[in-house]
Amino acid sequence: MDATITPRDPLDLDALGAWLAAHGLVGELEVEQFPGGFSNLTYLVRAGDRELVLRRPPIGADVKGGHDVLREHRVLERLSARWPKAPRPVLACDDATVLGGPFYLMERVRGTILRGVPQDPPAPATMRELSGRLVDGLAELHAIDPREAGLSDLGKPEGYVQRQVRGWAERWRRARTDDVPDMDRVAAWLDAHRPGESRAAVVHNDFKYDNVVLDPDDATRIVAVLDWEMATLGDPLLDLGTSLAYWTDADDPPDLLGASLHNPTSLPGNLSRAEVVARYESASGRPVTDAPFHFAFGLFKVGVIAQQIYARHRRGLTSDPRFAALIDAVRGVSWLATRAIELGRVDRLR
């Protein structure tokens, strides 16, 4: 978990230090920024002998529209007592005058995060085991009883699929900057082909390799799951669909592999998307009868998220150079979604 402070996302260290001291965290303050990710900003904070991770919304973001870090804190507060893979939160601040927005701190979990394609990738046997355990972890999360975990108020599962499909279509319309006909076609198809609801579960909504921390001594063991800002109660198969949307198969189109979604799932040894579905069915006991729908929905949602970030970049609200190319990701994932719809499957889409 390399961390490097960057001038584009500075923190007021004097204000943060004073606030931490007022809450019993004293000592020399050091702050570094984790550069990965496209959503909430994440920092490593050292205060004396304590190491914490700070999360805050990005500059210019609509907190009520998906960057509610205080809600994320509440989710972790309850879930970490029930599921050891959820990091334990420590403090939260709703006073925007401290750092210009709300933030919270959680315990740091040491380990490795796989992003992109490493120069020295794990062996195929390691990736095979890890990819299976990643799917098993998603099934574990979906097996948690929301009431027992104190999370029954996390969301409204009734009508979840319809709200998700129509809500993300509306977000696409609001954030659109360029003409991407495949996005419009996928939105219409999803609304016309909604499947029945599955039994509600706690859903993460961003469950993928770069949001899990691996044991530094065992690259197949997941010790923590990060990035809970979109967690809610809903249909677990839509959660699976989001994971599938980030699951690049090795035989996907080269231009898609070269985009920002290129990730460790394309390395030798990984389960394919079809194998992910089969593994999830086995681990969860839930049949997945509409995998192409859930995959296409996941891709559409990823496209909308990329479009929202790209729109912020176009408006000059962020100067992060990575964001300038996200319109290509929007085109790529919407093309892949149309292929899944046309062929009625989640793999072999070239």
Foldseek 3Di string as FASTA:
>chain_A
DDFAADPQQDWPVVLVQVVVVVVPQAADWDKTWDPDDLFWTWIWIDGPPATKIKTWTAFPDDCVVFVVQVLVLVLLCLVCVPDQQRFHWDAWDQDCVRGNGIMTITGDDDFDFFWFADPDHDDLQLQQLQQLVLLLVLLVQQPDDCVVSVAPVQADAVVQQLCLLVVLLVLCVVLDDDDQPLLVVLSVVLNVDPDDADDKGWAQQARERRQFGAHRVRRSHTRHGHDRRPIGIYGSLLSLLLHLLLQDDLPPDPVLCPANSNTDNNPRNHDHSVVSQVSNCVSNVDHDPQNLSSNLSNLSSLLSVLSNSLSCVVVVSGDPVSSVCSNVSNNVSSVQSVQCVVVVHSDPRD
